[in-house]
């Protein structure tokens, strides 16, 4: 039950960030790219198209991908999973 709730929360946040990211591409107030990257990170485990885009971005920007892996490892250490 707990895993199902985490998955639902992750998908909900991913979709919200996706909508904000698309809006941010047209509105000067929001940082569209940041929200789109967060959405890809949250949606990639469940949706193949997000996983595909995430892999393309990791191949294109390997330095950024390494930093993301570093912070992901640090957060796993803090939160235990």
N, C-alpha and C. Protein backbone atom coordinates (compact mmCIF):
# COMPACT_ATOMS: atom_id res chain seq x y z
N UNK A 1 0.82 -1.19 0.00
CA UNK A 1 0.00 0.00 0.00
C UNK A 1 0.87 1.26 0.00
N UNK A 2 1.95 1.22 0.76
CA UNK A 2 2.82 2.39 0.86
C UNK A 2 3.51 2.67 -0.47
N UNK A 3 3.93 1.61 -1.17
CA UNK A 3 4.58 1.78 -2.48
C UNK A 3 3.60 2.37 -3.49
N UNK A 4 2.36 1.96 -3.41
CA UNK A 4 1.34 2.48 -4.32
C UNK A 4 1.13 3.98 -4.09
N UNK A 5 1.13 4.38 -2.83
CA UNK A 5 0.96 5.80 -2.50
C UNK A 5 2.16 6.62 -2.98
N UNK A 6 3.38 6.07 -2.84
CA UNK A 6 4.58 6.76 -3.32
C UNK A 6 4.53 6.93 -4.84
N UNK A 7 4.10 5.88 -5.54
CA UNK A 7 4.03 5.92 -6.99
C UNK A 7 3.00 6.96 -7.44
N UNK A 8 1.86 7.00 -6.78
CA UNK A 8 0.82 7.97 -7.11
C UNK A 8 1.31 9.39 -6.86
N UNK A 9 2.00 9.61 -5.75
CA UNK A 9 2.55 10.93 -5.44
C UNK A 9 3.59 11.33 -6.47
N UNK A 10 4.47 10.39 -6.84
CA UNK A 10 5.51 10.68 -7.83
C UNK A 10 4.91 11.03 -9.18
N UNK A 11 3.90 10.29 -9.61
CA UNK A 11 3.24 10.57 -10.88
C UNK A 11 2.50 11.90 -10.85
N UNK A 12 1.83 12.18 -9.74
CA UNK A 12 1.10 13.45 -9.61
C UNK A 12 2.05 14.64 -9.67
N UNK A 13 3.14 14.55 -8.91
CA UNK A 13 4.12 15.64 -8.93
C UNK A 13 4.76 15.77 -10.31
N UNK A 14 5.04 14.65 -10.95
CA UNK A 14 5.63 14.67 -12.28
C UNK A 14 4.73 15.37 -13.29
N UNK A 15 3.44 15.07 -13.24
CA UNK A 15 2.51 15.71 -14.17
C UNK A 15 2.35 17.20 -13.87
N UNK A 16 2.34 17.56 -12.60
CA UNK A 16 2.27 18.99 -12.23
C UNK A 16 3.50 19.72 -12.74
N UNK A 17 4.69 19.13 -12.53
CA UNK A 17 5.92 19.77 -13.01
C UNK A 17 5.95 19.83 -14.54
N UNK A 18 5.39 18.83 -15.20
CA UNK A 18 5.33 18.84 -16.66
C UNK A 18 4.47 20.00 -17.16
N UNK A 19 3.33 20.18 -16.54
CA UNK A 19 2.44 21.29 -16.92
C UNK A 19 3.11 22.64 -16.64
N UNK A 20 3.74 22.76 -15.47
CA UNK A 20 4.44 24.01 -15.16
C UNK A 20 5.60 24.25 -16.11
N UNK A 21 6.29 23.19 -16.51
CA UNK A 21 7.41 23.32 -17.44
C UNK A 21 6.96 23.80 -18.80
N UNK A 22 5.87 23.24 -19.29
CA UNK A 22 5.34 23.67 -20.60
C UNK A 22 4.88 25.12 -20.52
N UNK A 23 4.20 25.47 -19.43
CA UNK A 23 3.79 26.87 -19.26
C UNK A 23 5.00 27.78 -19.13
N UNK A 24 6.04 27.31 -18.47
CA UNK A 24 7.24 28.10 -18.27
C UNK A 24 8.02 28.37 -19.54
N UNK A 25 7.81 27.57 -20.56
CA UNK A 25 8.46 27.83 -21.84
C UNK A 25 7.90 29.09 -22.50
N UNK A 26 6.67 29.43 -22.16
CA UNK A 26 6.02 30.59 -22.77
C UNK A 26 5.91 31.79 -21.83
N UNK A 27 5.93 31.55 -20.53
CA UNK A 27 5.82 32.63 -19.55
C UNK A 27 7.20 32.99 -19.00
N UNK A 28 7.54 34.25 -18.97
CA UNK A 28 8.88 34.63 -18.50
C UNK A 28 9.07 34.48 -16.99
N UNK A 29 8.01 34.27 -16.25
CA UNK A 29 8.10 34.20 -14.79
C UNK A 29 8.61 32.83 -14.32
N UNK A 30 8.22 31.76 -15.01
CA UNK A 30 8.58 30.40 -14.61
C UNK A 30 9.84 29.92 -15.32
N UNK A 31 10.60 29.07 -14.67
CA UNK A 31 11.76 28.43 -15.27
C UNK A 31 11.31 27.12 -15.90
N UNK A 32 10.95 27.15 -17.17
CA UNK A 32 10.37 25.99 -17.83
C UNK A 32 11.28 24.79 -17.89
N UNK A 33 12.56 25.01 -18.21
CA UNK A 33 13.49 23.89 -18.35
C UNK A 33 13.67 23.16 -17.02
N UNK A 34 13.77 23.90 -15.94
CA UNK A 34 13.94 23.28 -14.63
C UNK A 34 12.75 22.38 -14.30
N UNK A 35 11.55 22.87 -14.52
CA UNK A 35 10.36 22.07 -14.24
C UNK A 35 10.27 20.85 -15.15
N UNK A 36 10.68 21.00 -16.42
CA UNK A 36 10.66 19.86 -17.33
C UNK A 36 11.66 18.79 -16.91
N UNK A 37 12.83 19.20 -16.46
CA UNK A 37 13.82 18.23 -15.98
C UNK A 37 13.34 17.50 -14.74
N UNK A 38 12.71 18.22 -13.82
CA UNK A 38 12.14 17.58 -12.64
C UNK A 38 11.05 16.59 -13.03
N UNK A 39 10.22 16.98 -13.99
CA UNK A 39 9.15 16.08 -14.45
C UNK A 39 9.73 14.82 -15.06
N UNK A 40 10.77 14.95 -15.88
CA UNK A 40 11.39 13.77 -16.48
C UNK A 40 11.97 12.85 -15.42
N UNK A 41 12.60 13.42 -14.42
CA UNK A 41 13.18 12.62 -13.34
C UNK A 41 12.09 11.84 -12.60
N UNK A 42 10.95 12.47 -12.36
CA UNK A 42 9.88 11.82 -11.61
C UNK A 42 9.09 10.82 -12.46
N UNK A 43 8.94 11.08 -13.75
CA UNK A 43 8.12 10.23 -14.60
C UNK A 43 8.89 9.08 -15.26
N UNK A 44 10.21 9.17 -15.31
CA UNK A 44 11.02 8.17 -16.03
C UNK A 44 10.84 6.73 -15.53
N UNK A 45 10.69 6.48 -14.24
CA UNK A 45 10.54 5.07 -13.82
C UNK A 45 9.26 4.41 -14.35
N UNK A 46 8.24 5.19 -14.67
CA UNK A 46 6.96 4.61 -15.04
C UNK A 46 6.57 4.79 -16.51
N UNK A 47 7.10 5.81 -17.17
CA UNK A 47 6.69 6.08 -18.54
C UNK A 47 7.87 5.95 -19.49
N UNK A 48 7.76 5.11 -20.53
CA UNK A 48 8.87 4.88 -21.45
C UNK A 48 9.34 6.13 -22.20
N UNK A 49 8.41 7.01 -22.59
CA UNK A 49 8.83 8.21 -23.32
C UNK A 49 9.69 9.11 -22.45
N UNK A 50 9.40 9.21 -21.16
CA UNK A 50 10.20 10.03 -20.25
C UNK A 50 11.58 9.39 -20.04
N UNK A 51 11.61 8.07 -19.95
CA UNK A 51 12.88 7.36 -19.79
C UNK A 51 13.77 7.58 -21.01
N UNK A 52 13.16 7.55 -22.20
CA UNK A 52 13.90 7.75 -23.45
C UNK A 52 14.49 9.16 -23.50
N UNK A 53 13.72 10.17 -23.15
CA UNK A 53 14.21 11.55 -23.14
C UNK A 53 15.30 11.73 -22.10
N UNK A 54 15.12 11.09 -20.95
CA UNK A 54 16.12 11.21 -19.89
C UNK A 54 17.46 10.62 -20.37
N UNK A 55 17.42 9.48 -21.05
CA UNK A 55 18.66 8.87 -21.56
C UNK A 55 19.31 9.74 -22.62
N UNK A 56 18.51 10.36 -23.49
CA UNK A 56 19.06 11.26 -24.50
C UNK A 56 19.76 12.45 -23.84
N UNK A 57 19.13 13.01 -22.83
CA UNK A 57 19.73 14.15 -22.13
C UNK A 57 21.00 13.75 -21.38
N UNK A 58 21.02 12.55 -20.81
CA UNK A 58 22.22 12.08 -20.12
C UNK A 58 23.36 11.88 -21.09
N UNK A 59 23.06 11.41 -22.29
CA UNK A 59 24.11 11.22 -23.30
C UNK A 59 24.61 12.56 -23.82
N UNK A 60 23.73 13.52 -23.93
CA UNK A 60 24.11 14.84 -24.46
C UNK A 60 24.85 15.68 -23.43
N UNK A 61 24.47 15.57 -22.17
CA UNK A 61 25.08 16.35 -21.09
C UNK A 61 25.62 15.42 -20.00
N UNK A 62 26.74 14.75 -20.24
CA UNK A 62 27.25 13.77 -19.26
C UNK A 62 27.69 14.42 -17.94
N UNK A 63 28.18 15.63 -17.97
CA UNK A 63 28.59 16.30 -16.73
C UNK A 63 27.40 16.53 -15.81
N UNK A 64 26.31 16.98 -16.38
CA UNK A 64 25.09 17.20 -15.60
C UNK A 64 24.54 15.87 -15.07
N UNK A 65 24.63 14.83 -15.88
CA UNK A 65 24.16 13.51 -15.46
C UNK A 65 24.99 12.99 -14.29
N UNK A 66 26.29 13.23 -14.31
CA UNK A 66 27.15 12.80 -13.19
C UNK A 66 26.79 13.54 -11.91
N UNK A 67 26.53 14.84 -12.04
CA UNK A 67 26.12 15.61 -10.85
C UNK A 67 24.80 15.11 -10.30
N UNK A 68 23.88 14.77 -11.19
CA UNK A 68 22.58 14.24 -10.76
C UNK A 68 22.75 12.93 -10.02
N UNK A 69 23.61 12.04 -10.54
CA UNK A 69 23.87 10.77 -9.85
C UNK A 69 24.49 11.01 -8.48
N UNK A 70 25.39 11.99 -8.39
CA UNK A 70 26.03 12.30 -7.11
C UNK A 70 24.98 12.72 -6.08
N UNK A 71 24.12 13.66 -6.45
CA UNK A 71 23.11 14.15 -5.51
C UNK A 71 22.05 13.10 -5.21
N UNK A 72 21.76 12.27 -6.19
CA UNK A 72 20.81 11.18 -5.96
C UNK A 72 21.36 10.22 -4.90
N UNK A 73 22.67 9.91 -4.99
CA UNK A 73 23.31 9.06 -3.99
C UNK A 73 23.33 9.69 -2.61
N UNK A 74 23.57 11.00 -2.57
CA UNK A 74 23.57 11.70 -1.28
C UNK A 74 22.18 11.68 -0.64
N UNK A 75 21.16 11.89 -1.45
CA UNK A 75 19.80 11.88 -0.91
C UNK A 75 19.39 10.50 -0.46
N UNK A 76 19.85 9.46 -1.17
CA UNK A 76 19.54 8.11 -0.73
C UNK A 76 20.18 7.84 0.64
N UNK A 77 21.37 8.37 0.85
CA UNK A 77 22.04 8.21 2.14
C UNK A 77 21.30 8.91 3.27
N UNK A 78 20.71 10.05 2.95
CA UNK A 78 19.99 10.82 3.96
C UNK A 78 18.65 10.18 4.28
N UNK A 79 17.92 9.81 3.22
CA UNK A 79 16.56 9.31 3.42
C UNK A 79 16.47 7.79 3.53
N UNK A 80 17.58 7.12 3.39
CA UNK A 80 17.59 5.69 3.64
C UNK A 80 17.17 4.81 2.49
N UNK A 81 16.73 5.38 1.38
CA UNK A 81 16.36 4.53 0.24
C UNK A 81 16.77 5.13 -1.04
